[in-house]
Amino acid sequence: MSISNEDDGGGSPDPLADTLLDAAYESIAVFGLRRLTLTDVARRAGVSRPTVYRRWRDIGTLLADLLTREMRAVVDSVAPRAAAAGGDARTRLVAGAVLTVAELRGHPLLGRIIDTEPEALITYTFHRLGSSQSAMLAVTEDRIRAGQADGSVRAGDPAELARMMLLAAQAAVVSWRLVDDVLPLERQTAELGRMLDAYLRPADPA
């Protein structure tokens, strides 16, 4: 799986980096994020500390790459199921967004971070886009253009529409507990799909 730096979106396939990220994942699962150090990653992976430091300058940059890897894996796994939804481009786009939200909400690593150390996500929730979010936006914009071409998505700047979809989907991933007293997860997922579909649907002719 390709590993990329969250700051620049670059990078190339690096099997050793995958091994190191796997070690970080395992360490977080056992001990939590606050106790994670690059030295721990090196020890768990059976490599020297300089091997890890050559790839990441600190835990923040390693975590960014780990989250990018996991989010891209979710998007890749969802793509064929969204395509199988059939119908027009809007139907497939909404299906993909809803499936991605459901998968991210149930992801063990992301779930643990949200539950115990949500401050680790502050940068990518409130301040700037990470490379995984930018990649999702690019895919979403392409699918919005396809929907506009087949008439199933309303007119508008695809970049603007995609970013509003991101805001709605991201809130559904990280903030779902705020409303689960009224809307349990299954209902939230259904309502998110309805909301996105209505947002993208062309207006009925007057």
C-alpha atoms as a PDB file:
ATOM      1  CA  MET A   1       0.000   0.000   0.000  1.00  0.00           C
ATOM      2  CA  SER A   2       1.330   3.421  -0.888  1.00  0.00           C
ATOM      3  CA  ILE A   3       2.404   5.633   1.980  1.00  0.00           C
ATOM      4  CA  SER A   4       2.336   9.397   1.614  1.00  0.00           C
ATOM      5  CA  ASN A   5       3.313  12.279   3.825  1.00  0.00           C
ATOM      6  CA  GLU A   6       0.231  14.157   5.049  1.00  0.00           C
ATOM      7  CA  ASP A   7       1.878  17.527   4.464  1.00  0.00           C
ATOM      8  CA  ASP A   8       2.794  17.157   0.810  1.00  0.00           C
ATOM      9  CA  GLY A   9       0.655  14.320  -0.504  1.00  0.00           C
ATOM     10  CA  GLY A  10       3.731  12.746  -2.124  1.00  0.00           C
ATOM     11  CA  GLY A  11       5.540   9.545  -1.431  1.00  0.00           C
ATOM     12  CA  SER A  12       6.104   6.209  -3.079  1.00  0.00           C
ATOM     13  CA  PRO A  13       5.412   2.578  -2.194  1.00  0.00           C
ATOM     14  CA  ASP A  14       7.560   1.662   0.795  1.00  0.00           C
ATOM     15  CA  PRO A  15       7.065  -1.819   2.294  1.00  0.00           C
ATOM     16  CA  LEU A  16       9.225  -1.012   5.311  1.00  0.00           C
ATOM     17  CA  ALA A  17       7.120   2.069   6.035  1.00  0.00           C
ATOM     18  CA  ASP A  18       4.048  -0.161   5.990  1.00  0.00           C
ATOM     19  CA  THR A  19       5.733  -2.437   8.521  1.00  0.00           C
ATOM     20  CA  LEU A  20       6.515   0.532  10.746  1.00  0.00           C
ATOM     21  CA  LEU A  21       2.971   1.863  10.453  1.00  0.00           C
ATOM     22  CA  ASP A  22       1.656  -1.585  11.357  1.00  0.00           C
ATOM     23  CA  ALA A  23       3.845  -1.480  14.461  1.00  0.00           C
ATOM     24  CA  ALA A  24       2.463   1.941  15.378  1.00  0.00           C
ATOM     25  CA  TYR A  25      -1.097   0.689  14.865  1.00  0.00           C
ATOM     26  CA  GLU A  26      -0.475  -2.283  17.170  1.00  0.00           C
ATOM     27  CA  SER A  27       1.104  -0.078  19.822  1.00  0.00           C
ATOM     28  CA  ILE A  28      -1.833   2.357  19.787  1.00  0.00           C
ATOM     29  CA  ALA A  29      -4.268  -0.551  20.049  1.00  0.00           C
ATOM     30  CA  VAL A  30      -2.514  -1.845  23.173  1.00  0.00           C
ATOM     31  CA  PHE A  31      -1.275   1.272  24.957  1.00  0.00           C
ATOM     32  CA  GLY A  32      -3.093   4.237  23.394  1.00  0.00           C
ATOM     33  CA  LEU A  33      -1.739   7.184  21.477  1.00  0.00           C
ATOM     34  CA  ARG A  34      -0.288   9.178  24.387  1.00  0.00           C
ATOM     35  CA  ARG A  35       2.285   6.482  25.143  1.00  0.00           C
ATOM     36  CA  LEU A  36       3.354   6.047  21.530  1.00  0.00           C
ATOM     37  CA  THR A  37       6.941   7.054  20.711  1.00  0.00           C
ATOM     38  CA  LEU A  38       9.114   6.548  17.665  1.00  0.00           C
ATOM     39  CA  THR A  39      11.402   4.433  19.832  1.00  0.00           C
ATOM     40  CA  ASP A  40       8.465   2.156  20.660  1.00  0.00           C
ATOM     41  CA  VAL A  41       7.672   1.811  16.965  1.00  0.00           C
ATOM     42  CA  ALA A  42      11.281   0.868  16.200  1.00  0.00           C
ATOM     43  CA  ARG A  43      11.373  -1.689  18.998  1.00  0.00           C
ATOM     44  CA  ARG A  44       8.086  -3.295  18.024  1.00  0.00           C
ATOM     45  CA  ALA A  45       9.098  -3.432  14.343  1.00  0.00           C
ATOM     46  CA  GLY A  46      12.571  -4.796  15.167  1.00  0.00           C
ATOM     47  CA  VAL A  47      14.500  -1.978  13.487  1.00  0.00           C
ATOM     48  CA  SER A  48      16.866   0.749  14.632  1.00  0.00           C
ATOM     49  CA  ARG A  49      15.605   4.157  15.744  1.00  0.00           C
ATOM     50  CA  PRO A  50      17.351   5.952  12.848  1.00  0.00           C
ATOM     51  CA  THR A  51      15.321   3.786  10.454  1.00  0.00           C
ATOM     52  CA  VAL A  52      12.145   5.297  11.860  1.00  0.00           C
ATOM     53  CA  TYR A  53      13.510   8.831  12.178  1.00  0.00           C
ATOM     54  CA  ARG A  54      14.536   8.844   8.527  1.00  0.00           C
ATOM     55  CA  ARG A  55      10.851   8.563   7.623  1.00  0.00           C
ATOM     56  CA  TRP A  56       9.127  10.626  10.316  1.00  0.00           C
ATOM     57  CA  ARG A  57      10.448  13.525  12.339  1.00  0.00           C
ATOM     58  CA  ASP A  58       7.948  13.000  15.171  1.00  0.00           C
ATOM     59  CA  ILE A  59       4.845  11.121  16.255  1.00  0.00           C
ATOM     60  CA  GLY A  60       2.559  13.698  14.635  1.00  0.00           C
ATOM     61  CA  THR A  61       3.889  13.068  11.149  1.00  0.00           C
ATOM     62  CA  LEU A  62       3.795   9.301  11.659  1.00  0.00           C
ATOM     63  CA  LEU A  63       0.195   9.461  12.887  1.00  0.00           C
ATOM     64  CA  ALA A  64      -0.770  11.577   9.880  1.00  0.00           C
ATOM     65  CA  ASP A  65       0.590   8.922   7.524  1.00  0.00           C
ATOM     66  CA  LEU A  66      -1.056   6.138   9.493  1.00  0.00           C
ATOM     67  CA  LEU A  67      -4.447   7.847   9.327  1.00  0.00           C
ATOM     68  CA  THR A  68      -3.945   8.536   5.620  1.00  0.00           C
ATOM     69  CA  ARG A  69      -3.199   4.877   4.963  1.00  0.00           C
ATOM     70  CA  GLU A  70      -6.215   3.650   6.905  1.00  0.00           C
ATOM     71  CA  MET A  71      -8.622   6.171   5.368  1.00  0.00           C
ATOM     72  CA  ARG A  72      -7.482   5.379   1.842  1.00  0.00           C
ATOM     73  CA  ALA A  73      -7.911   1.670   2.528  1.00  0.00           C
ATOM     74  CA  VAL A  74     -11.506   2.358   3.584  1.00  0.00           C
ATOM     75  CA  VAL A  75     -12.196   4.413   0.457  1.00  0.00           C
ATOM     76  CA  ASP A  76     -10.710   1.680  -1.746  1.00  0.00           C
ATOM     77  CA  SER A  77     -12.814  -0.999  -0.052  1.00  0.00           C
ATOM     78  CA  VAL A  78     -16.011   1.034  -0.425  1.00  0.00           C
ATOM     79  CA  ALA A  79     -15.595   1.885  -4.129  1.00  0.00           C
ATOM     80  CA  PRO A  80     -16.833  -1.425  -5.602  1.00  0.00           C
ATOM     81  CA  ARG A  81     -19.828  -1.522  -3.242  1.00  0.00           C
ATOM     82  CA  ALA A  82     -20.788   2.018  -4.187  1.00  0.00           C
ATOM     83  CA  ALA A  83     -20.536   1.114  -7.871  1.00  0.00           C
ATOM     84  CA  ALA A  84     -22.758  -1.899  -7.216  1.00  0.00           C
ATOM     85  CA  ALA A  85     -25.501   0.430  -5.964  1.00  0.00           C
ATOM     86  CA  GLY A  86     -26.253   1.096  -9.645  1.00  0.00           C
ATOM     87  CA  GLY A  87     -28.480   3.884 -10.788  1.00  0.00           C
ATOM     88  CA  ASP A  88     -27.265   7.297 -11.821  1.00  0.00           C
ATOM     89  CA  ALA A  89     -24.062   9.032 -10.729  1.00  0.00           C
ATOM     90  CA  ARG A  90     -25.765  10.793  -7.817  1.00  0.00           C
ATOM     91  CA  THR A  91     -27.052   7.499  -6.428  1.00  0.00           C
ATOM     92  CA  ARG A  92     -23.586   5.957  -6.569  1.00  0.00           C
ATOM     93  CA  LEU A  93     -21.953   9.062  -5.101  1.00  0.00           C
ATOM     94  CA  VAL A  94     -24.318   9.192  -2.130  1.00  0.00           C
ATOM     95  CA  ALA A  95     -23.972   5.439  -1.576  1.00  0.00           C
ATOM     96  CA  GLY A  96     -20.203   5.791  -1.528  1.00  0.00           C
ATOM     97  CA  ALA A  97     -20.290   8.686   0.936  1.00  0.00           C
ATOM     98  CA  VAL A  98     -22.630   6.873   3.305  1.00  0.00           C
ATOM     99  CA  LEU A  99     -20.644   3.633   3.151  1.00  0.00           C
ATOM    100  CA  THR A 100     -17.401   5.520   3.791  1.00  0.00           C
ATOM    101  CA  VAL A 101     -18.867   7.254   6.843  1.00  0.00           C
ATOM    102  CA  ALA A 102     -20.127   3.940   8.229  1.00  0.00           C
ATOM    103  CA  GLU A 103     -16.759   2.251   7.715  1.00  0.00           C
ATOM    104  CA  LEU A 104     -14.780   5.120   9.257  1.00  0.00           C
ATOM    105  CA  ARG A 105     -17.132   5.271  12.228  1.00  0.00           C
ATOM    106  CA  GLY A 106     -16.487   1.584  12.875  1.00  0.00           C
ATOM    107  CA  HIS A 107     -12.740   1.710  12.255  1.00  0.00           C
ATOM    108  CA  PRO A 108     -10.860   0.447  15.349  1.00  0.00           C
ATOM    109  CA  LEU A 109      -8.001   2.956  15.175  1.00  0.00           C
ATOM    110  CA  LEU A 110     -10.096   6.026  14.401  1.00  0.00           C
ATOM    111  CA  GLY A 111     -12.670   4.976  16.965  1.00  0.00           C
ATOM    112  CA  ARG A 112     -10.066   4.656  19.695  1.00  0.00           C
ATOM    113  CA  ILE A 113      -8.588   8.061  18.893  1.00  0.00           C
ATOM    114  CA  ILE A 114     -12.015   9.743  18.860  1.00  0.00           C
ATOM    115  CA  ASP A 115     -12.970   8.067  22.147  1.00  0.00           C
ATOM    116  CA  THR A 116      -9.763   8.672  24.092  1.00  0.00           C
ATOM    117  CA  GLU A 117      -7.557  11.254  22.371  1.00  0.00           C
ATOM    118  CA  PRO A 118      -9.651  13.345  19.961  1.00  0.00           C
ATOM    119  CA  GLU A 119      -7.196  16.241  20.173  1.00  0.00           C
ATOM    120  CA  ALA A 120      -4.978  14.271  17.782  1.00  0.00           C
ATOM    121  CA  LEU A 121      -7.532  15.034  15.051  1.00  0.00           C
ATOM    122  CA  ILE A 122      -7.923  18.756  15.744  1.00  0.00           C
ATOM    123  CA  THR A 123      -5.675  19.911  12.898  1.00  0.00           C
ATOM    124  CA  TYR A 124      -7.518  17.884  10.266  1.00  0.00           C
ATOM    125  CA  THR A 125     -10.964  18.622  11.698  1.00  0.00           C
ATOM    126  CA  PHE A 126     -10.729  22.366  12.219  1.00  0.00           C
ATOM    127  CA  HIS A 127      -7.648  23.904  10.598  1.00  0.00           C
ATOM    128  CA  ARG A 128      -6.520  22.346   7.340  1.00  0.00           C
ATOM    129  CA  LEU A 129      -7.062  19.453   4.991  1.00  0.00           C
ATOM    130  CA  GLY A 130      -4.813  16.428   5.112  1.00  0.00           C
ATOM    131  CA  SER A 131      -3.731  14.547   2.011  1.00  0.00           C
ATOM    132  CA  SER A 132      -6.336  11.830   2.534  1.00  0.00           C
ATOM    133  CA  GLN A 133      -9.102  14.441   2.700  1.00  0.00           C
ATOM    134  CA  SER A 134      -7.735  16.157  -0.409  1.00  0.00           C
ATOM    135  CA  ALA A 135      -7.699  12.837  -2.251  1.00  0.00           C
ATOM    136  CA  MET A 136     -11.312  12.190  -1.257  1.00  0.00           C
ATOM    137  CA  LEU A 137     -12.305  15.647  -2.440  1.00  0.00           C
ATOM    138  CA  ALA A 138     -10.690  15.053  -5.837  1.00  0.00           C
ATOM    139  CA  VAL A 139     -12.612  11.799  -6.285  1.00  0.00           C
ATOM    140  CA  THR A 140     -15.840  13.412  -5.103  1.00  0.00           C
ATOM    141  CA  GLU A 141     -15.441  16.322  -7.523  1.00  0.00           C
ATOM    142  CA  ASP A 142     -14.975  13.892 -10.418  1.00  0.00           C
ATOM    143  CA  ARG A 143     -18.135  12.021  -9.435  1.00  0.00           C
ATOM    144  CA  ILE A 144     -20.067  15.263  -9.084  1.00  0.00           C
ATOM    145  CA  ARG A 145     -19.012  16.213 -12.623  1.00  0.00           C
ATOM    146  CA  ALA A 146     -20.215  12.808 -13.820  1.00  0.00           C
ATOM    147  CA  GLY A 147     -23.547  13.465 -12.125  1.00  0.00           C
ATOM    148  CA  GLN A 148     -23.818  16.870 -13.694  1.00  0.00           C
ATOM    149  CA  ALA A 149     -23.098  15.306 -17.080  1.00  0.00           C
ATOM    150  CA  ASP A 150     -25.871  12.701 -16.708  1.00  0.00           C
ATOM    151  CA  GLY A 151     -28.272  15.256 -15.204  1.00  0.00           C
ATOM    152  CA  SER A 152     -28.547  13.637 -11.771  1.00  0.00           C
ATOM    153  CA  VAL A 153     -26.559  16.314  -9.882  1.00  0.00           C
ATOM    154  CA  ARG A 154     -27.545  19.974  -9.821  1.00  0.00           C
ATOM    155  CA  ALA A 155     -25.477  22.730 -11.365  1.00  0.00           C
ATOM    156  CA  GLY A 156     -22.769  24.291  -9.249  1.00  0.00           C
ATOM    157  CA  ASP A 157     -19.030  24.404  -8.711  1.00  0.00           C
ATOM    158  CA  PRO A 158     -17.963  20.774  -8.092  1.00  0.00           C
ATOM    159  CA  ALA A 159     -15.286  21.954  -5.651  1.00  0.00           C
ATOM    160  CA  GLU A 160     -17.900  23.769  -3.545  1.00  0.00           C
ATOM    161  CA  LEU A 161     -20.352  20.874  -3.603  1.00  0.00           C
ATOM    162  CA  ALA A 162     -17.623  18.388  -2.683  1.00  0.00           C
ATOM    163  CA  ARG A 163     -16.482  20.463   0.278  1.00  0.00           C
ATOM    164  CA  MET A 164     -19.980  20.727   1.684  1.00  0.00           C
ATOM    165  CA  MET A 165     -20.286  16.964   1.369  1.00  0.00           C
ATOM    166  CA  LEU A 166     -16.992  16.599   3.239  1.00  0.00           C
ATOM    167  CA  LEU A 167     -18.214  18.823   6.071  1.00  0.00           C
ATOM    168  CA  ALA A 168     -21.402  16.791   6.468  1.00  0.00           C
ATOM    169  CA  ALA A 169     -19.643  13.440   6.246  1.00  0.00           C
ATOM    170  CA  GLN A 170     -16.853  14.430   8.634  1.00  0.00           C
ATOM    171  CA  ALA A 171     -19.343  15.599  11.243  1.00  0.00           C
ATOM    172  CA  ALA A 172     -21.174  12.288  10.919  1.00  0.00           C
ATOM    173  CA  VAL A 173     -17.904  10.426  11.562  1.00  0.00           C
ATOM    174  CA  VAL A 174     -16.567  12.343  14.566  1.00  0.00           C
ATOM    175  CA  SER A 175     -19.672  13.835  16.221  1.00  0.00           C
ATOM    176  CA  TRP A 176     -22.314  11.131  15.974  1.00  0.00           C
ATOM    177  CA  ARG A 177     -22.627  10.737  19.747  1.00  0.00           C
ATOM    178  CA  LEU A 178     -24.041  14.257  20.010  1.00  0.00           C
ATOM    179  CA  VAL A 179     -27.342  13.053  18.566  1.00  0.00           C
ATOM    180  CA  ASP A 180     -27.464   9.321  19.288  1.00  0.00           C
ATOM    181  CA  ASP A 181     -30.024   9.869  22.044  1.00  0.00           C
ATOM    182  CA  VAL A 182     -32.544  10.615  19.286  1.00  0.00           C
ATOM    183  CA  LEU A 183     -30.862   9.166  16.204  1.00  0.00           C
ATOM    184  CA  PRO A 184     -29.104   5.841  16.705  1.00  0.00           C
ATOM    185  CA  LEU A 185     -26.321   5.058  14.255  1.00  0.00           C
ATOM    186  CA  GLU A 186     -28.511   3.234  11.748  1.00  0.00           C
ATOM    187  CA  ARG A 187     -30.947   6.141  11.604  1.00  0.00           C
ATOM    188  CA  GLN A 188     -28.127   8.690  11.380  1.00  0.00           C
ATOM    189  CA  THR A 189     -26.712   6.832   8.400  1.00  0.00           C
ATOM    190  CA  ALA A 190     -30.063   6.784   6.639  1.00  0.00           C
ATOM    191  CA  GLU A 191     -30.677  10.472   7.341  1.00  0.00           C
ATOM    192  CA  LEU A 192     -27.199  11.384   6.088  1.00  0.00           C
ATOM    193  CA  GLY A 193     -27.983   9.646   2.816  1.00  0.00           C
ATOM    194  CA  ARG A 194     -31.248  11.539   2.466  1.00  0.00           C
ATOM    195  CA  MET A 195     -29.567  14.837   3.265  1.00  0.00           C
ATOM    196  CA  LEU A 196     -26.779  14.353   0.719  1.00  0.00           C
ATOM    197  CA  ASP A 197     -29.195  13.151  -1.943  1.00  0.00           C
ATOM    198  CA  ALA A 198     -31.434  16.188  -1.447  1.00  0.00           C
ATOM    199  CA  TYR A 199     -28.416  18.518  -1.506  1.00  0.00           C
ATOM    200  CA  LEU A 200     -27.194  17.142  -4.831  1.00  0.00           C
ATOM    201  CA  ARG A 201     -30.545  16.561  -6.554  1.00  0.00           C
ATOM    202  CA  PRO A 202     -31.467  19.031  -9.317  1.00  0.00           C
ATOM    203  CA  ALA A 203     -34.397  21.280  -8.504  1.00  0.00           C
ATOM    204  CA  ASP A 204     -37.715  20.260 -10.030  1.00  0.00           C
ATOM    205  CA  PRO A 205     -38.719  22.440 -12.967  1.00  0.00           C
ATOM    206  CA  ALA A 206     -41.095  25.189 -11.878  1.00  0.00           C
END
